[in-house]
């Protein structure tokens, strides 16, 4: 699995470099998809690089990417193992040129993310994880193991979406009491929890499975959890639609303020 992870890390970096070439250009080629989300040349370039690489690395493992998601559930439900990919997570942040976008690649087995990479092109940072081996952050050729913050801070650091802050989250934070809020784009929100820079990421809004799978593995292998509002682990490919329920990402489940609010969130 470690050898496979190294190949997936390189694939994510290659996709990230293609994204940066377009990021530094004057024409993103922005289109609007049927769900009103943006699509750029960078999304498609990264998608093509990742799919081509995965087909060579694991030719027998199917691939589900945001840019090729029209695979019927009748087909998907037969999959025991598959790749789940978001070639450019945070397209809105890419268009805003704030650097808060990532390349997400996850290997799913029996509904769980067991190997993943989240690459941050602008910062040249790679987050990665393998089930049973831990979670890691690679920055300037230095790789370090990362862990969630335990115990959680008494005044928690909460990370929220920069472009998708819902009214439900605003209401939730009011109930939470004293806290510090950090706004961030893409799956970087998960990564802040994974490396102990934040305590909680409440996502009370719609996301798709490719938005979360890679980063979930990193959080879990760093010692945290990603759970639905009934405190069940977020799972993949278990239903016809590809939308996630509301969920919470946290590093320390023993903090009373956290669990009471998870259970009471609505």
C-alpha atoms as a PDB file:
ATOM      1  CA  UNK A   1       0.000   0.000   0.000  1.00  0.00           C
ATOM      2  CA  UNK A   2       2.886   2.381   0.722  1.00  0.00           C
ATOM      3  CA  UNK A   3       4.300   1.808  -2.770  1.00  0.00           C
ATOM      4  CA  UNK A   4       0.852   2.508  -4.208  1.00  0.00           C
ATOM      5  CA  UNK A   5       0.591   5.675  -2.131  1.00  0.00           C
ATOM      6  CA  UNK A   6       3.838   7.024  -3.597  1.00  0.00           C
ATOM      7  CA  UNK A   7       2.447   6.580  -7.113  1.00  0.00           C
ATOM      8  CA  UNK A   8      -0.804   8.316  -6.187  1.00  0.00           C
ATOM      9  CA  UNK A   9       1.090  11.196  -4.595  1.00  0.00           C
ATOM     10  CA  UNK A  10       3.031  11.700  -7.821  1.00  0.00           C
ATOM     11  CA  UNK A  11      -0.184  11.533  -9.836  1.00  0.00           C
ATOM     12  CA  UNK A  12      -1.729  14.256  -7.673  1.00  0.00           C
ATOM     13  CA  UNK A  13       1.384  16.421  -8.059  1.00  0.00           C
ATOM     14  CA  UNK A  14       1.342  15.987 -11.839  1.00  0.00           C
ATOM     15  CA  UNK A  15      -2.316  17.052 -11.907  1.00  0.00           C
ATOM     16  CA  UNK A  16      -1.497  19.972  -9.645  1.00  0.00           C
ATOM     17  CA  UNK A  17       1.225  21.196 -11.980  1.00  0.00           C
ATOM     18  CA  UNK A  18      -1.242  21.148 -14.879  1.00  0.00           C
ATOM     19  CA  UNK A  19      -3.681  23.139 -12.762  1.00  0.00           C
ATOM     20  CA  UNK A  20      -0.999  25.724 -11.960  1.00  0.00           C
ATOM     21  CA  UNK A  21      -0.189  26.257 -15.635  1.00  0.00           C
ATOM     22  CA  UNK A  22      -3.797  27.316 -16.219  1.00  0.00           C
ATOM     23  CA  UNK A  23      -3.941  29.180 -12.891  1.00  0.00           C
ATOM     24  CA  UNK A  24      -1.082  31.381 -14.089  1.00  0.00           C
ATOM     25  CA  UNK A  25      -2.742  32.044 -17.455  1.00  0.00           C
ATOM     26  CA  UNK A  26      -5.351  34.652 -18.359  1.00  0.00           C
ATOM     27  CA  UNK A  27      -8.031  32.258 -19.593  1.00  0.00           C
ATOM     28  CA  UNK A  28      -9.584  29.730 -17.194  1.00  0.00           C
ATOM     29  CA  UNK A  29     -12.224  28.698 -19.738  1.00  0.00           C
ATOM     30  CA  UNK A  30     -14.990  28.902 -17.132  1.00  0.00           C
ATOM     31  CA  UNK A  31     -18.255  27.111 -17.903  1.00  0.00           C
ATOM     32  CA  UNK A  32     -21.326  26.558 -15.698  1.00  0.00           C
ATOM     33  CA  UNK A  33     -22.471  22.961 -15.233  1.00  0.00           C
ATOM     34  CA  UNK A  34     -26.091  21.813 -14.903  1.00  0.00           C
ATOM     35  CA  UNK A  35     -25.877  22.046 -11.094  1.00  0.00           C
ATOM     36  CA  UNK A  36     -24.720  25.693 -11.392  1.00  0.00           C
ATOM     37  CA  UNK A  37     -21.200  24.853 -10.237  1.00  0.00           C
ATOM     38  CA  UNK A  38     -18.251  26.174 -12.269  1.00  0.00           C
ATOM     39  CA  UNK A  39     -16.024  24.081 -14.522  1.00  0.00           C
ATOM     40  CA  UNK A  40     -12.641  25.252 -15.841  1.00  0.00           C
ATOM     41  CA  UNK A  41      -9.935  24.038 -18.179  1.00  0.00           C
ATOM     42  CA  UNK A  42      -7.978  23.120 -15.057  1.00  0.00           C
ATOM     43  CA  UNK A  43     -10.685  20.717 -13.818  1.00  0.00           C
ATOM     44  CA  UNK A  44     -10.605  18.861 -17.125  1.00  0.00           C
ATOM     45  CA  UNK A  45      -6.814  18.854 -17.464  1.00  0.00           C
ATOM     46  CA  UNK A  46      -6.387  17.411 -13.972  1.00  0.00           C
ATOM     47  CA  UNK A  47      -9.144  14.873 -14.572  1.00  0.00           C
ATOM     48  CA  UNK A  48      -7.483  13.575 -17.733  1.00  0.00           C
ATOM     49  CA  UNK A  49      -4.070  13.252 -16.073  1.00  0.00           C
ATOM     50  CA  UNK A  50      -5.433  11.435 -13.021  1.00  0.00           C
ATOM     51  CA  UNK A  51      -7.677   9.030 -14.917  1.00  0.00           C
ATOM     52  CA  UNK A  52      -4.891   8.142 -17.358  1.00  0.00           C
ATOM     53  CA  UNK A  53      -2.445   7.484 -14.507  1.00  0.00           C
ATOM     54  CA  UNK A  54      -4.881   5.428 -12.425  1.00  0.00           C
ATOM     55  CA  UNK A  55      -5.771   3.269 -15.422  1.00  0.00           C
ATOM     56  CA  UNK A  56      -2.081   2.409 -15.769  1.00  0.00           C
ATOM     57  CA  UNK A  57      -1.401   1.944 -12.047  1.00  0.00           C
ATOM     58  CA  UNK A  58      -4.500  -0.140 -11.250  1.00  0.00           C
ATOM     59  CA  UNK A  59      -6.119  -1.149 -14.548  1.00  0.00           C
ATOM     60  CA  UNK A  60      -8.735  -3.341 -12.872  1.00  0.00           C
ATOM     61  CA  UNK A  61     -10.001  -0.727 -10.397  1.00  0.00           C
ATOM     62  CA  UNK A  62     -12.889   1.464 -11.630  1.00  0.00           C
ATOM     63  CA  UNK A  63     -12.753   5.254 -11.325  1.00  0.00           C
ATOM     64  CA  UNK A  64     -15.447   7.702 -10.288  1.00  0.00           C
ATOM     65  CA  UNK A  65     -14.460  11.335 -10.866  1.00  0.00           C
ATOM     66  CA  UNK A  66     -16.482  14.508 -10.468  1.00  0.00           C
ATOM     67  CA  UNK A  67     -15.954  15.086 -14.181  1.00  0.00           C
ATOM     68  CA  UNK A  68     -17.215  11.601 -15.123  1.00  0.00           C
ATOM     69  CA  UNK A  69     -19.845  10.984 -12.468  1.00  0.00           C
ATOM     70  CA  UNK A  70     -22.696   9.762 -14.678  1.00  0.00           C
ATOM     71  CA  UNK A  71     -22.141   6.098 -13.790  1.00  0.00           C
ATOM     72  CA  UNK A  72     -25.442   4.472 -12.749  1.00  0.00           C
ATOM     73  CA  UNK A  73     -25.778   3.039  -9.260  1.00  0.00           C
ATOM     74  CA  UNK A  74     -26.673  -0.335 -10.782  1.00  0.00           C
ATOM     75  CA  UNK A  75     -23.057  -0.404 -11.961  1.00  0.00           C
ATOM     76  CA  UNK A  76     -21.439   1.313  -8.982  1.00  0.00           C
ATOM     77  CA  UNK A  77     -23.053  -0.914  -6.356  1.00  0.00           C
ATOM     78  CA  UNK A  78     -21.154  -3.870  -7.807  1.00  0.00           C
ATOM     79  CA  UNK A  79     -17.857  -2.197  -6.957  1.00  0.00           C
ATOM     80  CA  UNK A  80     -16.000  -3.536  -3.920  1.00  0.00           C
ATOM     81  CA  UNK A  81     -13.091  -1.171  -4.509  1.00  0.00           C
ATOM     82  CA  UNK A  82     -12.799   1.954  -6.660  1.00  0.00           C
ATOM     83  CA  UNK A  83     -11.041   5.297  -7.007  1.00  0.00           C
ATOM     84  CA  UNK A  84     -13.003   8.422  -6.026  1.00  0.00           C
ATOM     85  CA  UNK A  85     -11.512  11.596  -7.456  1.00  0.00           C
ATOM     86  CA  UNK A  86     -12.063  15.333  -7.315  1.00  0.00           C
ATOM     87  CA  UNK A  87      -9.522  16.643  -9.839  1.00  0.00           C
ATOM     88  CA  UNK A  88      -9.897  20.242  -8.623  1.00  0.00           C
ATOM     89  CA  UNK A  89     -11.631  20.680  -5.292  1.00  0.00           C
ATOM     90  CA  UNK A  90     -12.409  24.331  -4.686  1.00  0.00           C
ATOM     91  CA  UNK A  91     -13.029  25.543  -8.218  1.00  0.00           C
ATOM     92  CA  UNK A  92     -14.588  28.735  -6.846  1.00  0.00           C
ATOM     93  CA  UNK A  93     -11.403  29.407  -4.880  1.00  0.00           C
ATOM     94  CA  UNK A  94      -9.360  28.693  -8.024  1.00  0.00           C
ATOM     95  CA  UNK A  95     -11.391  31.285  -9.949  1.00  0.00           C
ATOM     96  CA  UNK A  96     -10.946  33.774  -7.079  1.00  0.00           C
ATOM     97  CA  UNK A  97      -7.182  33.103  -7.211  1.00  0.00           C
ATOM     98  CA  UNK A  98      -6.879  32.684  -3.437  1.00  0.00           C
ATOM     99  CA  UNK A  99      -4.869  29.445  -3.625  1.00  0.00           C
ATOM    100  CA  UNK A 100      -7.286  27.415  -1.478  1.00  0.00           C
ATOM    101  CA  UNK A 101      -7.890  24.526  -3.849  1.00  0.00           C
ATOM    102  CA  UNK A 102      -6.705  20.923  -3.885  1.00  0.00           C
ATOM    103  CA  UNK A 103      -6.390  17.718  -5.872  1.00  0.00           C
ATOM    104  CA  UNK A 104      -8.227  14.862  -4.117  1.00  0.00           C
ATOM    105  CA  UNK A 105      -7.701  11.150  -4.834  1.00  0.00           C
ATOM    106  CA  UNK A 106      -9.102   8.382  -2.612  1.00  0.00           C
ATOM    107  CA  UNK A 107      -9.235   4.602  -2.789  1.00  0.00           C
ATOM    108  CA  UNK A 108     -12.574   3.346  -1.466  1.00  0.00           C
ATOM    109  CA  UNK A 109     -13.094  -0.197  -0.223  1.00  0.00           C
ATOM    110  CA  UNK A 110     -16.431  -1.431   1.138  1.00  0.00           C
ATOM    111  CA  UNK A 111     -17.645   2.126   1.665  1.00  0.00           C
ATOM    112  CA  UNK A 112     -14.527   3.375   3.492  1.00  0.00           C
ATOM    113  CA  UNK A 113     -11.650   5.541   2.306  1.00  0.00           C
ATOM    114  CA  UNK A 114      -8.506   3.468   2.884  1.00  0.00           C
ATOM    115  CA  UNK A 115      -5.789   5.378   0.998  1.00  0.00           C
ATOM    116  CA  UNK A 116      -5.773   9.002  -0.058  1.00  0.00           C
ATOM    117  CA  UNK A 117      -3.885  12.055  -1.208  1.00  0.00           C
ATOM    118  CA  UNK A 118      -4.831  15.726  -0.938  1.00  0.00           C
ATOM    119  CA  UNK A 119      -2.376  17.918  -2.844  1.00  0.00           C
ATOM    120  CA  UNK A 120      -2.275  21.711  -2.491  1.00  0.00           C
ATOM    121  CA  UNK A 121      -0.714  23.012  -5.739  1.00  0.00           C
ATOM    122  CA  UNK A 122      -0.085  26.647  -4.774  1.00  0.00           C
ATOM    123  CA  UNK A 123       1.719  25.665  -1.546  1.00  0.00           C
ATOM    124  CA  UNK A 124       3.258  22.450  -2.930  1.00  0.00           C
ATOM    125  CA  UNK A 125       2.019  20.561   0.135  1.00  0.00           C
ATOM    126  CA  UNK A 126       0.906  16.938   0.066  1.00  0.00           C
ATOM    127  CA  UNK A 127      -1.348  15.383   2.699  1.00  0.00           C
ATOM    128  CA  UNK A 128      -1.647  11.609   2.501  1.00  0.00           C
ATOM    129  CA  UNK A 129      -2.842   8.627   4.488  1.00  0.00           C
ATOM    130  CA  UNK A 130      -3.129   4.854   4.409  1.00  0.00           C
ATOM    131  CA  UNK A 131      -5.435   2.950   6.719  1.00  0.00           C
ATOM    132  CA  UNK A 132      -3.390   1.480   9.549  1.00  0.00           C
ATOM    133  CA  UNK A 133      -0.250   3.472   8.724  1.00  0.00           C
ATOM    134  CA  UNK A 134      -1.208   7.014   9.780  1.00  0.00           C
ATOM    135  CA  UNK A 135      -1.513  10.414   8.121  1.00  0.00           C
ATOM    136  CA  UNK A 136       1.317  12.538   6.793  1.00  0.00           C
ATOM    137  CA  UNK A 137       2.136  16.016   5.534  1.00  0.00           C
ATOM    138  CA  UNK A 138       4.939  16.606   3.051  1.00  0.00           C
ATOM    139  CA  UNK A 139       6.265  20.151   2.756  1.00  0.00           C
ATOM    140  CA  UNK A 140       9.482  21.098   0.945  1.00  0.00           C
ATOM    141  CA  UNK A 141      10.657  17.467   0.783  1.00  0.00           C
ATOM    142  CA  UNK A 142      10.101  16.946   4.536  1.00  0.00           C
ATOM    143  CA  UNK A 143       7.459  14.382   5.475  1.00  0.00           C
ATOM    144  CA  UNK A 144       6.022  14.406   8.991  1.00  0.00           C
ATOM    145  CA  UNK A 145       3.272  12.390  10.624  1.00  0.00           C
ATOM    146  CA  UNK A 146       0.306  14.503  11.673  1.00  0.00           C
ATOM    147  CA  UNK A 147      -2.186  14.104  14.513  1.00  0.00           C
ATOM    148  CA  UNK A 148      -5.386  15.798  15.575  1.00  0.00           C
ATOM    149  CA  UNK A 149      -5.438  18.075  18.627  1.00  0.00           C
ATOM    150  CA  UNK A 150      -6.149  16.087  21.797  1.00  0.00           C
ATOM    151  CA  UNK A 151      -7.527  17.263  24.089  1.00  0.00           C
ATOM    152  CA  UNK A 152      -9.521  19.755  22.045  1.00  0.00           C
ATOM    153  CA  UNK A 153      -9.108  23.393  23.006  1.00  0.00           C
ATOM    154  CA  UNK A 154     -11.491  24.749  25.647  1.00  0.00           C
ATOM    155  CA  UNK A 155     -12.173  27.623  23.260  1.00  0.00           C
ATOM    156  CA  UNK A 156     -12.381  25.564  20.070  1.00  0.00           C
ATOM    157  CA  UNK A 157     -11.005  26.636  16.725  1.00  0.00           C
ATOM    158  CA  UNK A 158     -13.768  26.037  14.199  1.00  0.00           C
ATOM    159  CA  UNK A 159     -13.063  25.930  10.472  1.00  0.00           C
ATOM    160  CA  UNK A 160     -15.828  26.972   8.104  1.00  0.00           C
ATOM    161  CA  UNK A 161     -16.358  27.153   4.373  1.00  0.00           C
ATOM    162  CA  UNK A 162     -15.156  30.315   2.664  1.00  0.00           C
ATOM    163  CA  UNK A 163     -17.701  30.101  -0.170  1.00  0.00           C
ATOM    164  CA  UNK A 164     -20.484  27.895   1.218  1.00  0.00           C
ATOM    165  CA  UNK A 165     -21.251  29.056   4.774  1.00  0.00           C
ATOM    166  CA  UNK A 166     -24.864  27.975   5.324  1.00  0.00           C
ATOM    167  CA  UNK A 167     -27.399  29.523   7.666  1.00  0.00           C
ATOM    168  CA  UNK A 168     -27.486  26.208   9.534  1.00  0.00           C
ATOM    169  CA  UNK A 169     -23.782  26.545  10.324  1.00  0.00           C
ATOM    170  CA  UNK A 170     -24.241  30.153  11.422  1.00  0.00           C
ATOM    171  CA  UNK A 171     -27.046  29.067  13.762  1.00  0.00           C
ATOM    172  CA  UNK A 172     -24.975  26.144  15.040  1.00  0.00           C
ATOM    173  CA  UNK A 173     -22.022  28.393  15.879  1.00  0.00           C
ATOM    174  CA  UNK A 174     -24.288  30.710  17.830  1.00  0.00           C
ATOM    175  CA  UNK A 175     -25.343  27.759  20.001  1.00  0.00           C
ATOM    176  CA  UNK A 176     -21.767  26.564  20.356  1.00  0.00           C
ATOM    177  CA  UNK A 177     -20.649  29.503  22.478  1.00  0.00           C
ATOM    178  CA  UNK A 178     -17.136  30.934  22.592  1.00  0.00           C
ATOM    179  CA  UNK A 179     -14.982  29.857  19.690  1.00  0.00           C
ATOM    180  CA  UNK A 180     -12.549  31.087  17.055  1.00  0.00           C
ATOM    181  CA  UNK A 181     -13.689  30.814  13.432  1.00  0.00           C
ATOM    182  CA  UNK A 182     -11.252  30.258  10.556  1.00  0.00           C
ATOM    183  CA  UNK A 183     -12.579  30.392   6.968  1.00  0.00           C
ATOM    184  CA  UNK A 184     -10.999  28.096   4.402  1.00  0.00           C
ATOM    185  CA  UNK A 185     -11.770  26.660   0.984  1.00  0.00           C
ATOM    186  CA  UNK A 186     -11.844  23.083  -0.347  1.00  0.00           C
ATOM    187  CA  UNK A 187     -10.759  19.984   1.584  1.00  0.00           C
ATOM    188  CA  UNK A 188      -8.142  22.085   3.364  1.00  0.00           C
ATOM    189  CA  UNK A 189     -10.767  22.431   6.113  1.00  0.00           C
ATOM    190  CA  UNK A 190     -10.404  18.723   6.893  1.00  0.00           C
ATOM    191  CA  UNK A 191      -6.627  18.998   6.772  1.00  0.00           C
ATOM    192  CA  UNK A 192      -6.588  21.746   9.394  1.00  0.00           C
ATOM    193  CA  UNK A 193      -8.420  19.398  11.752  1.00  0.00           C
ATOM    194  CA  UNK A 194      -6.131  16.496  10.821  1.00  0.00           C
ATOM    195  CA  UNK A 195      -2.958  18.395  11.690  1.00  0.00           C
ATOM    196  CA  UNK A 196      -4.378  19.842  14.911  1.00  0.00           C
ATOM    197  CA  UNK A 197      -4.743  23.446  13.749  1.00  0.00           C
ATOM    198  CA  UNK A 198      -8.526  23.299  14.198  1.00  0.00           C
ATOM    199  CA  UNK A 199     -10.838  21.311  16.459  1.00  0.00           C
ATOM    200  CA  UNK A 200     -14.026  21.071  14.445  1.00  0.00           C
ATOM    201  CA  UNK A 201     -15.409  21.490  10.940  1.00  0.00           C
ATOM    202  CA  UNK A 202     -19.227  21.421  10.928  1.00  0.00           C
ATOM    203  CA  UNK A 203     -20.616  20.895   7.433  1.00  0.00           C
ATOM    204  CA  UNK A 204     -24.347  21.594   7.566  1.00  0.00           C
ATOM    205  CA  UNK A 205     -24.760  21.919   3.825  1.00  0.00           C
ATOM    206  CA  UNK A 206     -24.593  19.826   0.697  1.00  0.00           C
ATOM    207  CA  UNK A 207     -21.382  18.233  -0.522  1.00  0.00           C
ATOM    208  CA  UNK A 208     -20.659  15.399  -2.927  1.00  0.00           C
ATOM    209  CA  UNK A 209     -18.793  12.220  -2.114  1.00  0.00           C
ATOM    210  CA  UNK A 210     -15.716  13.224  -4.143  1.00  0.00           C
ATOM    211  CA  UNK A 211     -15.455  16.406  -2.041  1.00  0.00           C
ATOM    212  CA  UNK A 212     -14.789  14.514   1.180  1.00  0.00           C
ATOM    213  CA  UNK A 213     -13.399  11.006   0.648  1.00  0.00           C
ATOM    214  CA  UNK A 214      -9.685  11.773   0.355  1.00  0.00           C
ATOM    215  CA  UNK A 215      -9.613  14.209   3.252  1.00  0.00           C
ATOM    216  CA  UNK A 216     -11.725  11.915   5.450  1.00  0.00           C
ATOM    217  CA  UNK A 217      -9.061   9.219   5.304  1.00  0.00           C
ATOM    218  CA  UNK A 218      -6.444  11.760   6.380  1.00  0.00           C
ATOM    219  CA  UNK A 219      -8.536  12.932   9.348  1.00  0.00           C
ATOM    220  CA  UNK A 220      -9.298   9.383  10.467  1.00  0.00           C
ATOM    221  CA  UNK A 221      -5.702   8.196  10.220  1.00  0.00           C
ATOM    222  CA  UNK A 222      -4.609  11.313  12.143  1.00  0.00           C
ATOM    223  CA  UNK A 223      -6.892  10.288  15.020  1.00  0.00           C
ATOM    224  CA  UNK A 224     -10.104  12.172  14.232  1.00  0.00           C
ATOM    225  CA  UNK A 225     -13.533  11.274  12.931  1.00  0.00           C
ATOM    226  CA  UNK A 226     -15.955  12.307  10.196  1.00  0.00           C
ATOM    227  CA  UNK A 227     -19.516  11.520  11.248  1.00  0.00           C
ATOM    228  CA  UNK A 228     -23.091  12.202  10.251  1.00  0.00           C
ATOM    229  CA  UNK A 229     -25.362  14.014  12.681  1.00  0.00           C
ATOM    230  CA  UNK A 230     -26.434  10.692  14.192  1.00  0.00           C
ATOM    231  CA  UNK A 231     -22.750  10.018  14.949  1.00  0.00           C
ATOM    232  CA  UNK A 232     -22.260   7.383  12.242  1.00  0.00           C
ATOM    233  CA  UNK A 233     -19.091   7.303  10.132  1.00  0.00           C
ATOM    234  CA  UNK A 234     -19.569   8.968   6.749  1.00  0.00           C
ATOM    235  CA  UNK A 235     -19.712   6.200   4.111  1.00  0.00           C
ATOM    236  CA  UNK A 236     -19.344   6.034   0.328  1.00  0.00           C
ATOM    237  CA  UNK A 237     -21.217   4.447  -2.561  1.00  0.00           C
ATOM    238  CA  UNK A 238     -24.023   3.158  -0.345  1.00  0.00           C
ATOM    239  CA  UNK A 239     -26.919   4.834  -2.174  1.00  0.00           C
ATOM    240  CA  UNK A 240     -28.038   5.979  -5.591  1.00  0.00           C
ATOM    241  CA  UNK A 241     -27.249   9.677  -5.270  1.00  0.00           C
ATOM    242  CA  UNK A 242     -23.735  10.936  -4.617  1.00  0.00           C
ATOM    243  CA  UNK A 243     -24.610  13.657  -2.111  1.00  0.00           C
ATOM    244  CA  UNK A 244     -23.351  13.486   1.463  1.00  0.00           C
ATOM    245  CA  UNK A 245     -25.603  14.057   4.451  1.00  0.00           C
ATOM    246  CA  UNK A 246     -24.658  16.838   6.873  1.00  0.00           C
ATOM    247  CA  UNK A 247     -21.557  15.873   8.839  1.00  0.00           C
ATOM    248  CA  UNK A 248     -19.035  16.885  11.492  1.00  0.00           C
ATOM    249  CA  UNK A 249     -15.247  16.593  11.317  1.00  0.00           C
ATOM    250  CA  UNK A 250     -13.466  16.618  14.651  1.00  0.00           C
ATOM    251  CA  UNK A 251     -10.202  15.641  16.264  1.00  0.00           C
ATOM    252  CA  UNK A 252     -11.234  14.801  19.822  1.00  0.00           C
ATOM    253  CA  UNK A 253     -14.572  13.105  20.496  1.00  0.00           C
ATOM    254  CA  UNK A 254     -14.175  13.353  24.262  1.00  0.00           C
ATOM    255  CA  UNK A 255     -14.876  17.071  24.511  1.00  0.00           C
ATOM    256  CA  UNK A 256     -18.323  17.503  26.059  1.00  0.00           C
ATOM    257  CA  UNK A 257     -19.150  20.679  24.128  1.00  0.00           C
ATOM    258  CA  UNK A 258     -18.574  18.828  20.885  1.00  0.00           C
ATOM    259  CA  UNK A 259     -20.659  15.729  21.463  1.00  0.00           C
ATOM    260  CA  UNK A 260     -23.607  17.606  22.929  1.00  0.00           C
ATOM    261  CA  UNK A 261     -23.702  19.869  19.900  1.00  0.00           C
ATOM    262  CA  UNK A 262     -23.250  17.010  17.418  1.00  0.00           C
ATOM    263  CA  UNK A 263     -26.196  15.219  18.941  1.00  0.00           C
ATOM    264  CA  UNK A 264     -28.347  18.338  19.096  1.00  0.00           C
ATOM    265  CA  UNK A 265     -27.502  19.739  15.655  1.00  0.00           C
ATOM    266  CA  UNK A 266     -30.443  20.033  13.325  1.00  0.00           C
END
